[in-house]
Every structure is written in structure tokens, then in C-alpha cells.
Amino acid sequence: MNPIIWLVILIVLLVIEVITLGLSTIWFAGGALAAFIAALLGANVAVQVVLFLAVSIILLIFTRPVVMRMLNKHKTATNAESLIGEQAIVTQTINNLMGRGEVFINGLEWMARSQQDNDTIEKDTVVRILRIDGVKLIVERKER
């Protein structure tokens, strides 16, 4: 196979990797690089294809787990983001101006604040969680 074809494949895979930043095509780019070098050295098409597949699979199996661990080592696992959009019950009246308010969701009590500073939400009201700000849930009254 013409080395130019492998070079084009290599460039396309690298462009996809740069656009997505998902570490999904970089392994195959390594395989394309190996096949490109083999084509430059005069290897036949079968050797080039086998080299492409072998190098891609080896990189995928042996380096991807290490790279993913390195990228994710500073990431803190949390399920708090799953609360966004859920409903909660106000257990202590929410009053932003007084800095008070709590809600109960999934067996836990959370500090809560209303989205609107002048909106007081009474105890036992059903609210919807809009976002998380530090350790506080930002909520609004649930539409009926």
C-alpha cells in the first residue's frame, strides 16, 4: 500500500483525536504510524495491515488503562450531581436573607437556598433542585 495512504489515515485519526479529546483514536494513530513506517521500508500490504492492527490493539490494551488512571486520579467521585432536577422536601424554612434552610432527599438532609433571594419557601414544601453551590442545594418551588 502506498505510504501516503497510511499518512492520510494517521492525520485523519490525529485530527479526530484533537477535536474530540476523548482518547479514542490515538491508539489507532499509533498503529497507522507503524504501518506508515513499514510501507516506507517496502513491506507488503499484508504486513502493513497486520502491523496496524497489532500495534493498535497492543496500545489499546496496555497503555489505555494506565493513561485513564493518570487522567482520572485527581477526579473525586460524587453522586451529588445526580440530585439536580430531583424533588426534595423542605425540612427547615428556606430564607436566604437569614441564611437558613434545609431539604431532605435520598435519606439525607442538605442545606438549601432558594434561587431567588427574596423567596421564602416554607417547611414541607416540595422543591426541585436546580444546582449545587458548594455544600448547598439551590432550589425552587415545584410547579403544580
N, C-alpha and C. Protein backbone atom coordinates (compact mmCIF):
# COMPACT_ATOMS: atom_id res chain seq x y z
N MET A 1 0.87 -1.17 0.00
CA MET A 1 0.00 0.00 0.00
C MET A 1 0.91 1.23 0.00
N ASN A 2 0.48 2.22 -0.66
CA ASN A 2 1.23 3.46 -0.75
C ASN A 2 1.36 4.10 0.64
N PRO A 3 2.58 4.53 1.02
CA PRO A 3 2.77 5.15 2.34
C PRO A 3 1.90 6.39 2.55
N ILE A 4 1.55 7.06 1.46
CA ILE A 4 0.72 8.27 1.56
C ILE A 4 -0.64 7.94 2.16
N ILE A 5 -1.18 6.78 1.82
CA ILE A 5 -2.49 6.37 2.37
C ILE A 5 -2.40 6.24 3.88
N TRP A 6 -1.34 5.60 4.38
CA TRP A 6 -1.17 5.48 5.83
C TRP A 6 -0.96 6.84 6.48
N LEU A 7 -0.25 7.74 5.79
CA LEU A 7 -0.03 9.09 6.32
C LEU A 7 -1.36 9.84 6.42
N VAL A 8 -2.21 9.69 5.41
CA VAL A 8 -3.54 10.33 5.44
C VAL A 8 -4.37 9.75 6.59
N ILE A 9 -4.35 8.43 6.74
CA ILE A 9 -5.10 7.79 7.84
C ILE A 9 -4.59 8.30 9.18
N LEU A 10 -3.25 8.39 9.32
CA LEU A 10 -2.65 8.90 10.55
C LEU A 10 -3.12 10.32 10.85
N ILE A 11 -3.09 11.18 9.85
CA ILE A 11 -3.51 12.58 10.04
C ILE A 11 -4.98 12.68 10.40
N VAL A 12 -5.81 11.92 9.71
CA VAL A 12 -7.26 11.93 10.00
C VAL A 12 -7.51 11.48 11.44
N LEU A 13 -6.85 10.41 11.87
CA LEU A 13 -7.03 9.92 13.25
C LEU A 13 -6.55 10.96 14.27
N LEU A 14 -5.45 11.62 13.99
CA LEU A 14 -4.95 12.65 14.92
C LEU A 14 -5.89 13.85 14.97
N VAL A 15 -6.45 14.24 13.82
CA VAL A 15 -7.40 15.35 13.80
C VAL A 15 -8.65 15.00 14.61
N ILE A 16 -9.14 13.78 14.43
CA ILE A 16 -10.31 13.34 15.21
C ILE A 16 -9.98 13.38 16.70
N GLU A 17 -8.79 12.92 17.07
CA GLU A 17 -8.39 12.92 18.48
C GLU A 17 -8.32 14.34 19.04
N VAL A 18 -7.77 15.26 18.27
CA VAL A 18 -7.68 16.65 18.73
C VAL A 18 -9.07 17.26 18.88
N ILE A 19 -9.97 16.95 17.98
CA ILE A 19 -11.32 17.51 18.04
C ILE A 19 -12.10 16.94 19.23
N THR A 20 -12.00 15.63 19.45
CA THR A 20 -12.81 15.00 20.49
C THR A 20 -12.14 14.97 21.86
N LEU A 21 -10.82 14.94 21.90
CA LEU A 21 -10.07 14.84 23.16
C LEU A 21 -10.56 13.71 24.04
N GLY A 22 -10.99 12.63 23.42
CA GLY A 22 -11.55 11.53 24.18
C GLY A 22 -10.66 10.31 24.28
N LEU A 23 -9.43 10.42 23.81
CA LEU A 23 -8.52 9.28 23.79
C LEU A 23 -9.18 8.05 23.16
N SER A 24 -9.78 8.28 22.01
CA SER A 24 -10.46 7.17 21.33
C SER A 24 -9.74 6.74 20.07
N THR A 25 -9.06 7.64 19.38
CA THR A 25 -8.40 7.28 18.13
C THR A 25 -6.88 7.32 18.21
N ILE A 26 -6.34 7.78 19.31
CA ILE A 26 -4.88 7.92 19.41
C ILE A 26 -4.19 6.57 19.29
N TRP A 27 -4.82 5.52 19.80
CA TRP A 27 -4.23 4.19 19.75
C TRP A 27 -4.11 3.70 18.31
N PHE A 28 -5.10 4.02 17.50
CA PHE A 28 -5.09 3.62 16.10
C PHE A 28 -4.14 4.49 15.29
N ALA A 29 -3.94 5.72 15.74
CA ALA A 29 -2.95 6.58 15.10
C ALA A 29 -1.56 5.97 15.27
N GLY A 30 -1.30 5.39 16.43
CA GLY A 30 -0.03 4.70 16.65
C GLY A 30 0.13 3.53 15.69
N GLY A 31 -0.93 2.79 15.47
CA GLY A 31 -0.91 1.69 14.52
C GLY A 31 -0.69 2.18 13.10
N ALA A 32 -1.32 3.29 12.75
CA ALA A 32 -1.15 3.87 11.41
C ALA A 32 0.29 4.35 11.22
N LEU A 33 0.89 4.88 12.27
CA LEU A 33 2.28 5.32 12.19
C LEU A 33 3.20 4.12 11.93
N ALA A 34 2.95 3.03 12.64
CA ALA A 34 3.76 1.81 12.43
C ALA A 34 3.59 1.29 11.01
N ALA A 35 2.37 1.29 10.50
CA ALA A 35 2.12 0.82 9.14
C ALA A 35 2.74 1.77 8.12
N PHE A 36 2.72 3.06 8.39
CA PHE A 36 3.35 4.05 7.51
C PHE A 36 4.85 3.79 7.40
N ILE A 37 5.49 3.56 8.55
CA ILE A 37 6.93 3.28 8.56
C ILE A 37 7.23 1.98 7.81
N ALA A 38 6.39 0.98 8.02
CA ALA A 38 6.57 -0.30 7.32
C ALA A 38 6.43 -0.11 5.81
N ALA A 39 5.47 0.72 5.40
CA ALA A 39 5.28 0.98 3.96
C ALA A 39 6.49 1.70 3.39
N LEU A 40 7.06 2.64 4.14
CA LEU A 40 8.26 3.33 3.67
C LEU A 40 9.44 2.38 3.51
N LEU A 41 9.48 1.36 4.36
CA LEU A 41 10.57 0.37 4.30
C LEU A 41 10.32 -0.72 3.26
N GLY A 42 9.16 -0.67 2.59
CA GLY A 42 8.88 -1.59 1.50
C GLY A 42 8.13 -2.86 1.88
N ALA A 43 7.54 -2.90 3.06
CA ALA A 43 6.78 -4.09 3.47
C ALA A 43 5.53 -4.22 2.60
N ASN A 44 5.09 -5.47 2.40
CA ASN A 44 3.89 -5.66 1.57
C ASN A 44 2.63 -5.27 2.35
N VAL A 45 1.51 -5.21 1.65
CA VAL A 45 0.24 -4.74 2.22
C VAL A 45 -0.19 -5.58 3.41
N ALA A 46 -0.06 -6.89 3.32
CA ALA A 46 -0.48 -7.77 4.41
C ALA A 46 0.30 -7.46 5.69
N VAL A 47 1.60 -7.25 5.58
CA VAL A 47 2.42 -6.91 6.75
C VAL A 47 1.99 -5.56 7.32
N GLN A 48 1.71 -4.61 6.46
CA GLN A 48 1.29 -3.28 6.90
C GLN A 48 -0.03 -3.36 7.68
N VAL A 49 -0.99 -4.10 7.16
CA VAL A 49 -2.30 -4.21 7.82
C VAL A 49 -2.17 -4.95 9.14
N VAL A 50 -1.41 -6.05 9.15
CA VAL A 50 -1.21 -6.80 10.40
C VAL A 50 -0.50 -5.93 11.43
N LEU A 51 0.51 -5.17 10.99
CA LEU A 51 1.23 -4.27 11.89
C LEU A 51 0.30 -3.19 12.44
N PHE A 52 -0.53 -2.62 11.56
CA PHE A 52 -1.51 -1.61 12.00
C PHE A 52 -2.42 -2.17 13.10
N LEU A 53 -2.99 -3.34 12.83
CA LEU A 53 -3.91 -3.95 13.80
C LEU A 53 -3.19 -4.34 15.09
N ALA A 54 -2.03 -4.95 14.97
CA ALA A 54 -1.29 -5.42 16.16
C ALA A 54 -0.88 -4.25 17.05
N VAL A 55 -0.28 -3.22 16.45
CA VAL A 55 0.16 -2.08 17.25
C VAL A 55 -1.03 -1.37 17.87
N SER A 56 -2.11 -1.19 17.11
CA SER A 56 -3.31 -0.54 17.65
C SER A 56 -3.87 -1.29 18.84
N ILE A 57 -3.99 -2.60 18.71
CA ILE A 57 -4.55 -3.43 19.80
C ILE A 57 -3.63 -3.44 21.01
N ILE A 58 -2.33 -3.55 20.78
CA ILE A 58 -1.38 -3.54 21.90
C ILE A 58 -1.43 -2.21 22.64
N LEU A 59 -1.44 -1.11 21.91
CA LEU A 59 -1.54 0.21 22.56
C LEU A 59 -2.85 0.34 23.33
N LEU A 60 -3.92 -0.12 22.72
CA LEU A 60 -5.24 -0.02 23.35
C LEU A 60 -5.30 -0.83 24.64
N ILE A 61 -4.79 -2.04 24.61
CA ILE A 61 -4.88 -2.93 25.77
C ILE A 61 -3.91 -2.53 26.89
N PHE A 62 -2.68 -2.17 26.53
CA PHE A 62 -1.67 -1.98 27.56
C PHE A 62 -1.47 -0.53 28.01
N THR A 63 -1.72 0.44 27.15
CA THR A 63 -1.46 1.82 27.58
C THR A 63 -2.73 2.58 27.96
N ARG A 64 -3.86 2.23 27.40
CA ARG A 64 -5.09 2.97 27.71
C ARG A 64 -5.44 2.92 29.20
N PRO A 65 -5.41 1.75 29.86
CA PRO A 65 -5.74 1.74 31.29
C PRO A 65 -4.81 2.63 32.13
N VAL A 66 -3.52 2.63 31.78
CA VAL A 66 -2.56 3.46 32.52
C VAL A 66 -2.86 4.94 32.32
N VAL A 67 -3.09 5.32 31.07
CA VAL A 67 -3.39 6.73 30.76
C VAL A 67 -4.69 7.16 31.42
N MET A 68 -5.72 6.33 31.39
CA MET A 68 -7.00 6.68 32.00
C MET A 68 -6.86 6.84 33.51
N ARG A 69 -6.06 5.98 34.15
CA ARG A 69 -5.83 6.12 35.59
C ARG A 69 -5.13 7.43 35.89
N MET A 70 -4.16 7.79 35.08
CA MET A 70 -3.43 9.04 35.28
C MET A 70 -4.34 10.25 35.11
N LEU A 71 -5.21 10.21 34.13
CA LEU A 71 -6.11 11.33 33.87
C LEU A 71 -7.19 11.46 34.94
N ASN A 72 -7.61 10.34 35.52
CA ASN A 72 -8.71 10.35 36.48
C ASN A 72 -8.25 10.34 37.94
N LYS A 73 -6.96 10.41 38.22
CA LYS A 73 -6.51 10.28 39.60
C LYS A 73 -6.88 11.49 40.46
N HIS A 74 -7.10 12.64 39.86
CA HIS A 74 -7.48 13.83 40.63
C HIS A 74 -8.99 14.07 40.65
N LYS A 75 -9.72 13.18 40.03
CA LYS A 75 -11.17 13.32 39.95
C LYS A 75 -11.81 12.69 41.19
N THR A 76 -12.63 13.46 41.86
CA THR A 76 -13.32 12.95 43.04
C THR A 76 -14.67 12.40 42.62
N ALA A 77 -14.91 11.17 42.98
CA ALA A 77 -16.18 10.55 42.62
C ALA A 77 -17.29 11.12 43.51
N THR A 78 -18.39 11.51 42.91
CA THR A 78 -19.51 12.05 43.66
C THR A 78 -20.81 11.73 42.95
N ASN A 79 -21.82 11.49 43.74
CA ASN A 79 -23.15 11.28 43.18
C ASN A 79 -24.03 12.51 43.36
N ALA A 80 -23.45 13.57 43.92
CA ALA A 80 -24.23 14.77 44.20
C ALA A 80 -24.85 15.35 42.93
N GLU A 81 -24.13 15.30 41.83
CA GLU A 81 -24.65 15.87 40.58
C GLU A 81 -25.94 15.17 40.14
N SER A 82 -26.14 13.94 40.58
CA SER A 82 -27.36 13.22 40.20
C SER A 82 -28.60 13.80 40.87
N LEU A 83 -28.41 14.66 41.87
CA LEU A 83 -29.55 15.27 42.56
C LEU A 83 -30.22 16.37 41.73
N ILE A 84 -29.49 16.94 40.80
CA ILE A 84 -30.02 18.05 40.00
C ILE A 84 -31.24 17.58 39.22
N GLY A 85 -32.32 18.35 39.36
CA GLY A 85 -33.59 18.03 38.71
C GLY A 85 -34.52 17.19 39.57
N GLU A 86 -34.01 16.65 40.67
CA GLU A 86 -34.82 15.81 41.57
C GLU A 86 -35.68 16.69 42.49
N GLN A 87 -36.65 16.04 43.13
CA GLN A 87 -37.52 16.72 44.08
C GLN A 87 -37.04 16.46 45.51
N ALA A 88 -37.25 17.44 46.36
CA ALA A 88 -36.90 17.30 47.77
C ALA A 88 -38.00 17.96 48.60
N ILE A 89 -38.01 17.63 49.90
CA ILE A 89 -38.98 18.22 50.83
C ILE A 89 -38.24 19.19 51.75
N VAL A 90 -38.78 20.38 51.90
CA VAL A 90 -38.18 21.37 52.80
C VAL A 90 -38.43 20.94 54.24
N THR A 91 -37.35 20.79 55.02
CA THR A 91 -37.46 20.39 56.43
C THR A 91 -37.24 21.56 57.37
N GLN A 92 -36.62 22.62 56.89
CA GLN A 92 -36.49 23.87 57.64
C GLN A 92 -36.74 24.99 56.64
N THR A 93 -37.62 25.92 56.99
CA THR A 93 -37.98 27.00 56.08
C THR A 93 -36.74 27.63 55.46
N ILE A 94 -36.79 27.80 54.13
CA ILE A 94 -35.66 28.38 53.40
C ILE A 94 -35.84 29.89 53.34
N ASN A 95 -34.85 30.58 53.88
CA ASN A 95 -34.84 32.04 53.88
C ASN A 95 -33.41 32.48 53.61
N ASN A 96 -33.12 32.90 52.40
CA ASN A 96 -31.76 33.27 52.02
C ASN A 96 -31.24 34.45 52.83
N LEU A 97 -32.10 35.42 53.10
CA LEU A 97 -31.65 36.61 53.82
C LEU A 97 -31.22 36.29 55.24
N MET A 98 -31.83 35.26 55.84
CA MET A 98 -31.44 34.85 57.19
C MET A 98 -30.41 33.71 57.16
N GLY A 99 -30.09 33.20 55.97
CA GLY A 99 -29.10 32.14 55.84
C GLY A 99 -29.57 30.81 56.40
N ARG A 100 -30.86 30.52 56.26
CA ARG A 100 -31.42 29.29 56.79
C ARG A 100 -32.11 28.49 55.70
N GLY A 101 -32.22 27.19 55.97
CA GLY A 101 -32.98 26.34 55.09
C GLY A 101 -32.34 24.98 54.93
N GLU A 102 -33.20 23.96 54.95
CA GLU A 102 -32.75 22.59 54.74
C GLU A 102 -33.81 21.82 53.96
N VAL A 103 -33.33 20.85 53.19
CA VAL A 103 -34.23 19.94 52.48
C VAL A 103 -33.80 18.51 52.77
N PHE A 104 -34.73 17.59 52.54
CA PHE A 104 -34.49 16.17 52.75
C PHE A 104 -34.63 15.46 51.41
N ILE A 105 -33.58 14.72 51.02
CA ILE A 105 -33.62 13.95 49.77
C ILE A 105 -32.72 12.73 49.91
N ASN A 106 -33.20 11.61 49.42
CA ASN A 106 -32.44 10.35 49.44
C ASN A 106 -31.90 10.00 50.83
N GLY A 107 -32.70 10.26 51.84
CA GLY A 107 -32.32 9.89 53.20
C GLY A 107 -31.33 10.84 53.85
N LEU A 108 -31.03 11.97 53.21
CA LEU A 108 -30.06 12.92 53.75
C LEU A 108 -30.65 14.32 53.82
N GLU A 109 -30.21 15.07 54.81
CA GLU A 109 -30.60 16.48 54.90
C GLU A 109 -29.47 17.32 54.31
N TRP A 110 -29.88 18.29 53.49
CA TRP A 110 -28.92 19.19 52.86
C TRP A 110 -29.29 20.62 53.22
N MET A 111 -28.27 21.46 53.36
CA MET A 111 -28.53 22.90 53.45
C MET A 111 -29.08 23.33 52.10
N ALA A 112 -30.03 24.24 52.11
CA ALA A 112 -30.65 24.66 50.85
C ALA A 112 -30.88 26.15 50.85
N ARG A 113 -30.85 26.70 49.65
CA ARG A 113 -31.16 28.10 49.44
C ARG A 113 -32.07 28.20 48.23
N SER A 114 -32.91 29.23 48.25
CA SER A 114 -33.80 29.48 47.13
C SER A 114 -33.02 30.16 46.01
N GLN A 115 -33.47 29.94 44.79
CA GLN A 115 -32.82 30.62 43.66
C GLN A 115 -32.99 32.12 43.76
N GLN A 116 -34.16 32.56 44.24
CA GLN A 116 -34.45 33.99 44.40
C GLN A 116 -34.20 34.40 45.86
N ASP A 117 -33.37 35.39 46.10
CA ASP A 117 -33.04 35.79 47.47
C ASP A 117 -34.25 36.21 48.29
N ASN A 118 -35.26 36.81 47.65
CA ASN A 118 -36.43 37.30 48.40
C ASN A 118 -37.55 36.27 48.50
N ASP A 119 -37.30 35.04 48.05
CA ASP A 119 -38.32 33.99 48.05
C ASP A 119 -38.14 33.10 49.29
N THR A 120 -39.09 33.15 50.20
CA THR A 120 -39.08 32.27 51.37
C THR A 120 -39.92 31.04 51.04
N ILE A 121 -39.36 29.86 51.30
CA ILE A 121 -40.06 28.62 51.00
C ILE A 121 -40.32 27.91 52.33
N GLU A 122 -41.59 27.67 52.62
CA GLU A 122 -42.00 27.12 53.92
C GLU A 122 -41.69 25.64 54.05
N LYS A 123 -41.61 25.20 55.30
CA LYS A 123 -41.39 23.80 55.64
C LYS A 123 -42.48 22.94 55.00
N ASP A 124 -42.13 21.72 54.60
CA ASP A 124 -42.99 20.72 53.98
C ASP A 124 -43.36 21.03 52.52
N THR A 125 -42.76 22.06 51.94
CA THR A 125 -42.98 22.37 50.53
C THR A 125 -42.12 21.45 49.67
N VAL A 126 -42.66 21.02 48.54
CA VAL A 126 -41.88 20.22 47.59
C VAL A 126 -41.12 21.18 46.68
N VAL A 127 -39.81 20.97 46.56
CA VAL A 127 -38.98 21.82 45.72
C VAL A 127 -38.23 20.97 44.70
N ARG A 128 -37.74 21.64 43.68
CA ARG A 128 -36.91 21.00 42.66
C ARG A 128 -35.50 21.54 42.79
N ILE A 129 -34.52 20.65 42.73
CA ILE A 129 -33.12 21.04 42.87
C ILE A 129 -32.61 21.53 41.52
N LEU A 130 -32.10 22.77 41.51
CA LEU A 130 -31.61 23.38 40.27
C LEU A 130 -30.12 23.17 40.07
N ARG A 131 -29.36 23.31 41.16
CA ARG A 131 -27.91 23.16 41.07
C ARG A 131 -27.33 23.01 42.46
N ILE A 132 -26.04 22.77 42.51
CA ILE A 132 -25.33 22.65 43.78
C ILE A 132 -24.31 23.76 43.83
N ASP A 133 -24.32 24.51 44.93
CA ASP A 133 -23.37 25.61 45.13
C ASP A 133 -22.60 25.31 46.40
N GLY A 134 -21.40 24.75 46.28
CA GLY A 134 -20.63 24.33 47.44
C GLY A 134 -21.31 23.15 48.10
N VAL A 135 -21.78 23.35 49.35
CA VAL A 135 -22.49 22.28 50.07
C VAL A 135 -23.98 22.56 50.17
N LYS A 136 -24.45 23.54 49.41
CA LYS A 136 -25.86 23.91 49.46
C LYS A 136 -26.56 23.56 48.15
N LEU A 137 -27.79 23.09 48.29
CA LEU A 137 -28.63 22.86 47.12
C LEU A 137 -29.38 24.14 46.82
N ILE A 138 -29.39 24.56 45.58
CA ILE A 138 -30.17 25.72 45.15
C ILE A 138 -31.47 25.16 44.56
N VAL A 139 -32.58 25.62 45.13
CA VAL A 139 -33.88 25.02 44.80
C VAL A 139 -34.90 26.07 44.39
N GLU A 140 -36.00 25.57 43.83
CA GLU A 140 -37.16 26.40 43.52
C GLU A 140 -38.40 25.59 43.83
N ARG A 141 -39.50 26.29 44.07
CA ARG A 141 -40.76 25.60 44.32
C ARG A 141 -41.12 24.75 43.11
N LYS A 142 -41.63 23.57 43.38
CA LYS A 142 -42.07 22.68 42.29
C LYS A 142 -43.38 23.21 41.75
N GLU A 143 -43.43 23.28 40.42
CA GLU A 143 -44.68 23.70 39.76
C GLU A 143 -45.73 22.63 39.96
N ARG A 144 -46.94 23.01 40.23
CA ARG A 144 -48.02 22.03 40.44
C ARG A 144 -48.75 21.76 39.17
